[in-house]
Protein backbone atom coordinates (compact mmCIF):
# COMPACT_ATOMS: atom_id res chain seq x y z
CA UNK A 1 -19.65 -23.46 -4.17
CA UNK A 2 -17.20 -24.09 -6.92
CA UNK A 3 -14.00 -21.96 -6.72
CA UNK A 4 -11.20 -21.91 -9.25
CA UNK A 5 -7.93 -20.77 -7.56
CA UNK A 6 -5.50 -19.24 -10.08
CA UNK A 7 -1.85 -18.67 -9.16
CA UNK A 8 1.20 -19.04 -11.50
CA UNK A 9 3.14 -21.39 -9.05
CA UNK A 10 1.19 -24.57 -7.97
CA UNK A 11 4.13 -25.89 -5.75
CA UNK A 12 5.36 -24.66 -2.47
CA UNK A 13 7.40 -21.55 -3.31
CA UNK A 14 6.51 -18.63 -1.03
CA UNK A 15 3.95 -16.99 1.05
CA UNK A 16 1.59 -16.52 -1.81
CA UNK A 17 1.49 -20.31 -2.28
CA UNK A 18 1.31 -21.01 1.34
CA UNK A 19 -1.87 -18.77 1.61
CA UNK A 20 -3.51 -20.17 -1.67
CA UNK A 21 -3.03 -23.84 -0.81
CA UNK A 22 -4.07 -23.63 2.89
CA UNK A 23 -6.83 -21.45 2.16
CA UNK A 24 -8.04 -23.88 -0.45
CA UNK A 25 -7.61 -26.89 1.81
CA UNK A 26 -9.96 -25.20 4.38
CA UNK A 27 -12.55 -24.26 1.61
CA UNK A 28 -12.69 -27.99 0.73
CA UNK A 29 -13.09 -28.83 4.42
CA UNK A 30 -16.04 -26.49 4.48
CA UNK A 31 -17.68 -28.27 1.74
CA UNK A 32 -16.63 -26.26 -1.24
CA UNK A 33 -15.20 -27.77 -4.44
CA UNK A 34 -11.76 -26.28 -5.51
CA UNK A 35 -9.57 -26.61 -8.54
CA UNK A 36 -6.49 -24.83 -9.68
CA UNK A 37 -4.96 -23.25 -12.73
CA UNK A 38 -1.31 -22.25 -13.06
CA UNK A 39 1.99 -23.42 -14.60
CA UNK A 40 3.21 -26.96 -15.18
CA UNK A 41 6.04 -27.98 -12.90
CA UNK A 42 7.50 -31.24 -11.65
CA UNK A 43 6.86 -30.02 -8.05
CA UNK A 44 3.18 -29.18 -8.49
CA UNK A 45 0.97 -30.34 -5.57
CA UNK A 46 -2.28 -28.80 -6.77
CA UNK A 47 -4.14 -28.83 -10.33
CA UNK A 48 -7.49 -29.28 -12.12
CA UNK A 49 -9.56 -32.32 -13.29
CA UNK A 50 -8.29 -31.64 -16.91
CA UNK A 51 -4.58 -31.69 -15.97
CA UNK A 52 -4.26 -28.46 -18.06
CA UNK A 53 -1.82 -25.77 -17.08
CA UNK A 54 0.41 -23.29 -18.84
CA UNK A 55 3.79 -24.43 -19.96
CA UNK A 56 6.48 -23.51 -17.43
CA UNK A 57 8.14 -20.11 -17.79
CA UNK A 58 11.13 -19.26 -15.71
CA UNK A 59 10.97 -15.41 -16.31
CA UNK A 60 14.21 -14.51 -14.62
CA UNK A 61 16.29 -17.07 -16.81
CA UNK A 62 14.15 -16.56 -20.01
CA UNK A 63 16.18 -15.82 -23.05
CA UNK A 64 15.29 -12.70 -24.71
CA UNK A 65 16.51 -13.85 -28.01
CA UNK A 66 13.46 -15.98 -28.49
CA UNK A 67 11.00 -14.36 -30.89
CA UNK A 68 8.03 -15.25 -28.73
CA UNK A 69 9.49 -13.85 -25.62
CA UNK A 70 8.02 -10.29 -25.52
CA UNK A 71 4.37 -11.61 -26.48
CA UNK A 72 4.40 -14.45 -24.06
CA UNK A 73 4.99 -12.29 -20.90
CA UNK A 74 2.58 -9.78 -21.79
CA UNK A 75 -0.39 -11.78 -23.41
CA UNK A 76 -0.34 -15.64 -23.25
CA UNK A 77 -2.87 -17.14 -25.83
CA UNK A 78 -1.94 -20.48 -24.30
CA UNK A 79 -3.06 -19.43 -20.92
CA UNK A 80 -6.18 -17.96 -22.45
CA UNK A 81 -7.04 -21.08 -24.32
CA UNK A 82 -6.30 -23.47 -21.42
CA UNK A 83 -8.23 -21.39 -18.74
CA UNK A 84 -11.36 -21.36 -21.06
CA UNK A 85 -11.12 -25.12 -21.14
CA UNK A 86 -10.85 -25.47 -17.40
CA UNK A 87 -13.73 -23.09 -16.86
CA UNK A 88 -16.00 -24.82 -19.31
CA UNK A 89 -15.34 -28.16 -17.76
CA UNK A 90 -15.33 -26.99 -14.02
CA UNK A 91 -17.89 -24.28 -14.19
CA UNK A 92 -16.79 -22.22 -11.33
CA UNK A 93 -19.06 -19.96 -9.33
CA UNK A 94 -16.19 -17.78 -8.49
CA UNK A 95 -12.55 -17.30 -9.63
CA UNK A 96 -10.02 -16.31 -7.12
CA UNK A 97 -6.75 -14.83 -8.55
CA UNK A 98 -3.45 -14.58 -6.83
CA UNK A 99 -0.23 -14.09 -8.69
CA UNK A 100 -0.60 -14.11 -12.51
CA UNK A 101 1.82 -11.73 -14.11
CA UNK A 102 4.51 -12.72 -16.82
CA UNK A 103 3.63 -16.29 -16.82
CA UNK A 104 -0.20 -16.39 -16.88
CA UNK A 105 -0.62 -12.89 -17.83
CA UNK A 106 -3.74 -10.78 -17.81
CA UNK A 107 -4.86 -12.48 -21.00
CA UNK A 108 -6.88 -14.81 -18.77
CA UNK A 109 -8.93 -11.87 -17.41
CA UNK A 110 -10.49 -11.41 -20.89
CA UNK A 111 -11.49 -14.96 -21.09
CA UNK A 112 -12.89 -14.94 -17.61
CA UNK A 113 -14.97 -11.81 -18.38
CA UNK A 114 -16.62 -13.65 -21.32
CA UNK A 115 -18.03 -16.20 -18.95
CA UNK A 116 -19.40 -13.47 -16.53
CA UNK A 117 -17.82 -15.15 -13.65
CA UNK A 118 -17.24 -13.18 -10.40
CA UNK A 119 -13.61 -12.48 -9.72
CA UNK A 120 -11.66 -11.78 -6.53
CA UNK A 121 -8.04 -10.95 -6.50
CA UNK A 122 -5.77 -11.22 -3.24
CA UNK A 123 -2.96 -8.71 -3.61
CA UNK A 124 0.30 -10.28 -2.53
CA UNK A 125 2.46 -7.77 -3.78
CA UNK A 126 2.48 -4.37 -5.78
CA UNK A 127 2.45 -5.69 -9.25
CA UNK A 128 -0.52 -3.72 -10.40
CA UNK A 129 1.14 -0.49 -9.53
CA UNK A 130 4.93 -1.46 -10.07
CA UNK A 131 6.23 -3.31 -13.13
CA UNK A 132 8.76 -5.22 -10.90
CA UNK A 133 6.02 -5.88 -8.28
CA UNK A 134 8.16 -4.89 -5.29
CA UNK A 135 8.55 -1.05 -5.14
CA UNK A 136 12.03 -1.98 -4.61
CA UNK A 137 15.30 -1.93 -6.74
CA UNK A 138 17.25 -5.09 -6.10
CA UNK A 139 20.49 -3.89 -7.90
CA UNK A 140 20.52 -0.66 -5.92
CA UNK A 141 18.95 -2.24 -2.74
CA UNK A 142 16.49 0.63 -2.21
CA UNK A 143 12.69 1.27 -2.02
CA UNK A 144 11.49 2.87 -5.18
CA UNK A 145 7.96 4.59 -5.85
CA UNK A 146 9.10 6.29 -9.12
CA UNK A 147 6.30 4.70 -11.07
CA UNK A 148 3.58 6.57 -9.05
CA UNK A 149 1.16 8.13 -11.18
CA UNK A 150 1.53 5.45 -13.78
CA UNK A 151 5.02 6.68 -14.81
CA UNK A 152 6.06 3.14 -15.81
CA UNK A 153 8.98 4.60 -17.91
CA UNK A 154 10.79 4.85 -14.70
CA UNK A 155 11.09 1.21 -14.84
CA UNK A 156 13.28 1.60 -17.92
CA UNK A 157 15.47 4.45 -16.54
CA UNK A 158 15.87 2.34 -13.38
CA UNK A 159 16.54 -0.96 -15.05
CA UNK A 160 13.96 -2.30 -12.59
CA UNK A 161 13.56 -5.73 -13.87
CA UNK A 162 16.60 -8.06 -13.23
CA UNK A 163 18.89 -5.09 -13.96
CA UNK A 164 17.99 -5.64 -17.76
CA UNK A 165 17.01 -2.81 -20.04
CA UNK A 166 15.09 -5.09 -22.40
CA UNK A 167 13.12 -6.73 -19.66
CA UNK A 168 12.36 -3.53 -17.88
CA UNK A 169 11.10 -2.07 -21.28
CA UNK A 170 8.69 -5.06 -21.64
CA UNK A 171 7.55 -4.69 -18.02
CA UNK A 172 7.00 -0.96 -18.60
CA UNK A 173 5.01 -1.74 -21.82
CA UNK A 174 2.93 -4.44 -20.01
CA UNK A 175 2.14 -1.80 -17.25
CA UNK A 176 1.04 0.90 -19.91
CA UNK A 177 -0.91 -1.55 -22.15
CA UNK A 178 -3.02 -3.21 -19.37
CA UNK A 179 -3.68 0.18 -17.76
CA UNK A 180 -4.92 1.67 -21.16
CA UNK A 181 -7.01 -1.47 -21.66
CA UNK A 182 -8.25 -1.37 -18.18
CA UNK A 183 -7.59 -5.07 -17.92
CA UNK A 184 -8.08 -5.18 -14.14
CA UNK A 185 -10.50 -2.32 -13.76
CA UNK A 186 -13.01 -4.28 -15.81
CA UNK A 187 -12.30 -7.74 -14.71
CA UNK A 188 -11.81 -7.59 -10.98
CA UNK A 189 -14.91 -7.21 -8.74
CA UNK A 190 -13.07 -6.92 -5.46
CA UNK A 191 -9.44 -6.91 -4.41
CA UNK A 192 -8.26 -8.35 -0.96
CA UNK A 193 -5.39 -6.66 0.78
CA UNK A 194 -3.83 -8.64 3.63
CA UNK A 195 -2.50 -5.47 5.36
CA UNK A 196 -3.76 -1.96 5.93
CA UNK A 197 -0.30 -0.82 4.65
CA UNK A 198 -0.90 -2.44 1.33
CA UNK A 199 -4.38 -1.01 1.01
CA UNK A 200 -3.26 2.53 1.86
CA UNK A 201 -0.40 2.19 -0.74
CA UNK A 202 -2.59 1.06 -3.62
CA UNK A 203 -5.10 3.87 -2.80
CA UNK A 204 -2.07 6.23 -2.61
CA UNK A 205 -1.21 5.08 -6.18
CA UNK A 206 -4.67 5.64 -7.49
CA UNK A 207 -6.76 2.63 -6.77
CA UNK A 208 -10.42 3.20 -5.51
CA UNK A 209 -10.59 2.34 -1.80
CA UNK A 210 -14.04 0.91 -2.30
CA UNK A 211 -12.65 -1.91 -4.35
CA UNK A 212 -10.23 -3.07 -1.68
CA UNK A 213 -11.33 -5.16 1.20
CA UNK A 214 -8.56 -5.55 4.03
CA UNK A 215 -8.52 -9.11 5.51
CA UNK A 216 -5.29 -9.90 7.33
CA UNK A 217 -3.72 -13.34 6.69
CA UNK A 218 -4.52 -16.43 8.70
CA UNK A 219 -3.00 -19.43 10.30
CA UNK A 220 -4.67 -22.85 10.05
CA UNK A 221 -3.32 -24.79 13.00
CA UNK A 222 -4.03 -24.39 16.62
CA UNK A 223 -1.36 -23.10 18.88
CA UNK A 224 0.44 -25.82 20.75
CA UNK A 225 -1.19 -26.84 24.19
CA UNK A 226 1.80 -28.13 25.87
CA UNK A 227 5.35 -26.51 26.61
CA UNK A 228 7.72 -26.75 23.78
CA UNK A 229 11.38 -27.57 24.63
CA UNK A 230 13.40 -24.75 23.00
CA UNK A 231 16.82 -25.27 21.39
CA UNK A 232 19.65 -22.69 21.67
CA UNK A 233 19.24 -21.23 18.18
CA UNK A 234 17.73 -18.50 16.34
CA UNK A 235 15.74 -19.07 13.20
CA UNK A 236 15.22 -17.33 9.74
CA UNK A 237 12.91 -19.07 7.43
CA UNK A 238 12.04 -17.83 3.96
CA UNK A 239 13.61 -16.54 0.63
CA UNK A 240 17.28 -15.80 0.66
CA UNK A 241 17.29 -12.54 -1.33
CA UNK A 242 18.51 -8.99 -0.86
CA UNK A 243 15.20 -7.39 -0.33
CA UNK A 244 14.51 -9.83 2.45
CA UNK A 245 17.38 -8.19 4.44
CA UNK A 246 19.54 -11.49 4.26
CA UNK A 247 22.85 -9.53 4.05
CA UNK A 248 21.90 -7.33 7.00
CA UNK A 249 21.05 -10.51 9.06
CA UNK A 250 24.36 -11.97 7.97
CA UNK A 251 26.31 -9.11 9.01
CA UNK A 252 24.60 -8.96 12.34
CA UNK A 253 25.40 -12.76 13.02
CA UNK A 254 29.17 -11.98 12.24
CA UNK A 255 28.97 -9.44 15.16
CA UNK A 256 27.35 -12.17 17.48
CA UNK A 257 29.84 -15.20 16.89
CA UNK A 258 28.80 -16.87 19.97
CA UNK A 259 25.25 -17.13 18.79
CA UNK A 260 23.72 -19.79 16.44
CA UNK A 261 21.42 -18.92 13.57
CA UNK A 262 19.61 -21.68 11.54
CA UNK A 263 18.48 -20.56 8.15
CA UNK A 264 15.93 -22.54 6.12
CA UNK A 265 14.86 -21.57 2.46
CA UNK A 266 16.44 -21.12 -0.89
CA UNK A 267 17.28 -18.14 -3.09
CA UNK A 268 20.17 -16.26 -4.64
CA UNK A 269 22.08 -15.80 -1.52
CA UNK A 270 22.30 -19.44 -0.59
CA UNK A 271 26.15 -19.58 -0.99
CA UNK A 272 26.78 -16.45 0.84
CA UNK A 273 24.64 -17.64 3.86
CA UNK A 274 26.26 -21.03 4.05
CA UNK A 275 29.71 -19.31 4.43
CA UNK A 276 29.05 -17.55 7.72
CA UNK A 277 30.67 -19.83 10.45
CA UNK A 278 27.78 -19.38 13.04
CA UNK A 279 24.98 -19.91 10.48
CA UNK A 280 23.58 -23.38 9.91
CA UNK A 281 22.06 -23.49 6.54
CA UNK A 282 19.56 -26.34 6.21
CA UNK A 283 17.98 -25.68 2.82
CA UNK A 284 14.52 -25.51 1.87
CA UNK A 285 12.14 -27.02 4.52
CA UNK A 286 8.35 -27.39 4.63
CA UNK A 287 5.81 -29.25 6.60
CA UNK A 288 6.60 -30.87 9.93
CA UNK A 289 10.30 -30.33 9.34
CA UNK A 290 9.89 -26.61 9.20
CA UNK A 291 7.31 -26.54 12.00
CA UNK A 292 9.70 -28.28 14.27
CA UNK A 293 12.48 -25.78 13.47
CA UNK A 294 10.12 -22.89 14.29
CA UNK A 295 8.88 -24.64 17.60
CA UNK A 296 12.34 -25.21 18.79
CA UNK A 297 13.69 -21.78 18.08
CA UNK A 298 14.20 -19.05 20.79
CA UNK A 299 12.93 -16.55 18.45
CA UNK A 300 12.81 -15.75 14.59
CA UNK A 301 13.96 -12.81 12.72
CA UNK A 302 12.23 -11.20 9.88
CA UNK A 303 14.64 -8.56 8.54
CA UNK A 304 13.03 -7.47 5.35
CA UNK A 305 14.09 -4.15 3.55
CA UNK A 306 11.05 -3.92 1.11
CA UNK A 307 7.40 -3.24 1.81
CA UNK A 308 6.31 -6.62 3.10
CA UNK A 309 2.59 -7.17 2.88
CA UNK A 310 1.38 -9.43 5.66
CA UNK A 311 3.96 -12.14 6.02
CA UNK A 312 2.78 -15.62 6.67
CA UNK A 313 6.09 -16.47 8.30
CA UNK A 314 5.52 -14.08 11.09
CA UNK A 315 2.25 -15.54 11.92
CA UNK A 316 3.49 -19.04 11.64
CA UNK A 317 6.23 -18.15 14.18
CA UNK A 318 3.88 -16.57 16.62
CA UNK A 319 1.51 -19.56 16.31
CA UNK A 320 4.06 -21.67 17.93
CA UNK A 321 4.92 -19.27 20.66
CA UNK A 322 8.14 -18.13 19.10
CA UNK A 323 8.53 -14.32 19.20
CA UNK A 324 9.60 -12.37 16.15
CA UNK A 325 12.29 -9.56 15.77
CA UNK A 326 11.11 -7.81 12.67
CA UNK A 327 11.92 -4.90 10.39
CA UNK A 328 9.87 -1.83 11.07
CA UNK A 329 8.56 -1.68 7.51
CA UNK A 330 5.39 -2.47 5.42
CA UNK A 331 2.87 -4.69 7.09
CA UNK A 332 5.20 -6.11 9.61
CA UNK A 333 4.39 -3.63 12.44
CA UNK A 334 0.82 -4.65 12.03
CA UNK A 335 1.87 -8.01 13.27
CA UNK A 336 4.62 -7.49 15.71
CA UNK A 337 3.82 -5.21 18.70
CA UNK A 338 7.28 -3.80 19.65
CA UNK A 339 8.42 -4.66 23.21
CA UNK A 340 4.99 -6.43 23.76
CA UNK A 341 5.18 -9.69 21.96
CA UNK A 342 8.44 -8.94 19.79
CA UNK A 343 10.76 -6.40 18.79
CA UNK A 344 10.96 -4.01 15.87
CA UNK A 345 14.32 -2.44 14.43
CA UNK A 346 14.88 0.11 11.59
CA UNK A 347 15.37 -1.80 8.28
CA UNK A 348 18.91 -2.30 7.21
CA UNK A 349 20.34 -1.17 10.43
CA UNK A 350 22.76 -3.75 11.50
CA UNK A 351 23.49 -2.09 14.92
CA UNK A 352 19.87 -2.13 15.94
CA UNK A 353 19.39 -5.65 14.83
CA UNK A 354 22.48 -6.67 16.78
CA UNK A 355 21.10 -5.05 19.78
CA UNK A 356 17.64 -6.68 19.44
CA UNK A 357 18.97 -10.05 19.13
CA UNK A 358 21.42 -9.54 22.15
CA UNK A 359 18.54 -8.21 24.31
CA UNK A 360 16.17 -10.92 23.52
CA UNK A 361 18.68 -13.66 23.74
CA UNK A 362 20.00 -12.43 27.21
CA UNK A 363 16.70 -11.77 28.74
CA UNK A 364 14.80 -15.08 29.01
CA UNK A 365 12.15 -13.84 31.31
CA UNK A 366 11.10 -11.26 28.66
CA UNK A 367 11.39 -13.89 26.08
CA UNK A 368 9.02 -16.17 28.03
CA UNK A 369 6.60 -13.41 28.34
CA UNK A 370 6.60 -12.45 24.64
CA UNK A 371 5.99 -16.26 24.03
CA UNK A 372 2.97 -16.33 26.10
CA UNK A 373 1.53 -13.34 24.48
CA UNK A 374 2.27 -14.55 20.97
CA UNK A 375 0.16 -17.62 21.60
CA UNK A 376 -2.79 -15.46 22.83
CA UNK A 377 -2.40 -12.86 19.98
CA UNK A 378 -2.53 -15.36 17.05
CA UNK A 379 -5.98 -16.50 18.04
CA UNK A 380 -7.65 -13.46 16.25
CA UNK A 381 -5.67 -14.69 13.14
CA UNK A 382 -7.60 -17.98 12.74
CA UNK A 383 -8.56 -19.40 9.58
CA UNK A 384 -12.14 -19.65 10.75
CA UNK A 385 -12.16 -15.89 11.13
CA UNK A 386 -10.67 -15.48 7.62
CA UNK A 387 -12.99 -17.90 5.93
CA UNK A 388 -16.17 -15.86 7.51
CA UNK A 389 -14.81 -12.71 6.13
CA UNK A 390 -13.93 -14.28 2.76
CA UNK A 391 -17.32 -15.69 2.51
CA UNK A 392 -18.79 -12.15 2.99
CA UNK A 393 -16.69 -10.94 -0.01
CA UNK A 394 -17.59 -13.99 -2.27
CA UNK A 395 -21.28 -13.58 -1.51
CA UNK A 396 -21.02 -9.78 -2.30
CA UNK A 397 -19.45 -10.13 -5.65
CA UNK A 398 -21.81 -13.09 -6.58
CA UNK A 399 -24.78 -10.61 -5.81
CA UNK A 400 -23.07 -7.66 -7.85
CA UNK A 401 -22.69 -9.85 -11.00
CA UNK A 402 -26.11 -11.43 -10.63
CA UNK A 403 -27.72 -8.09 -10.27
CA UNK A 404 -25.64 -6.64 -13.30
CA UNK A 405 -26.87 -9.46 -15.51
CA UNK A 406 -30.60 -9.17 -14.41
């Protein structure tokens, strides 16, 4: 089967890219042919035979003074033209969409539809129901569901996008436009939700449950067979941003000056993180470097304060027998069983997080038992299991399109 993976970032950036790249590597191992379409970037690790991608757009830093700005993030003629060329050369059997908004834009959906190719889309966030994709206001540091019922004007009143009135107006307009045009309704054959939470939230916002298949994320490496020597440190790895609960984590560590936290990642809060005395900031890590950090940690912390979907970081940690202290929000509780293989705490509650860290650090027998249970638990998140479920979806939409064209 020929599969075109579409994602705006084609370099290691976050969980969406980890999912997209590792899944595609496995698809290739199973005999499928995979190519990619996204944005140009010096750090790209994936591409297509023509070497055609969309010009790089850093939306957060983009100047609103440019006359092309509003049109480029709502409807990209460049993306539409280039994906047409890639489709005509590659002739994919199926197109698998990931994150496309603001850089690739739904313009590509209209081109894909012309070619009558089945389309599956993995929902990594809430972009299709929330103009800022998070159901979270960064500048107010709070959950927000004001756009429920397609009330996208709330994006403007709340300054949802980068605390900018103009950008928020553009995002709201994009939401109204593509809802009115039924861009996603007409082009997407099936959505994949990595968590039951995300599935339920989309249904709550008006999406049909029959168009969403829940397939939890995967890990693609076997759990280690031998005992791993643990270091005397705790680990956070991921983006360094407000919605990830980084400030809550920093405050907790200030109250535990005798403990060491290693932080791996990049983001807006890098400088603040590096200034905490008992936090060792090691920058962005990936591959074996990151794996070694995870293996050696006593436990990891996932303190998010927004609706997480099915964070790969939690599964990657458990895979190496490293228990997780996670915020009780979004899809995290679907991965961390409280006081069975990890601990949950109320998001944003510094006191609860401090107590959880102290408990797990001081009770090594509990930590050892959680480690054992993590290794057993992650077996049900194997990439082979994911592949089998994904193939069922692929075959279903292929039949659907074939029957519709008969």
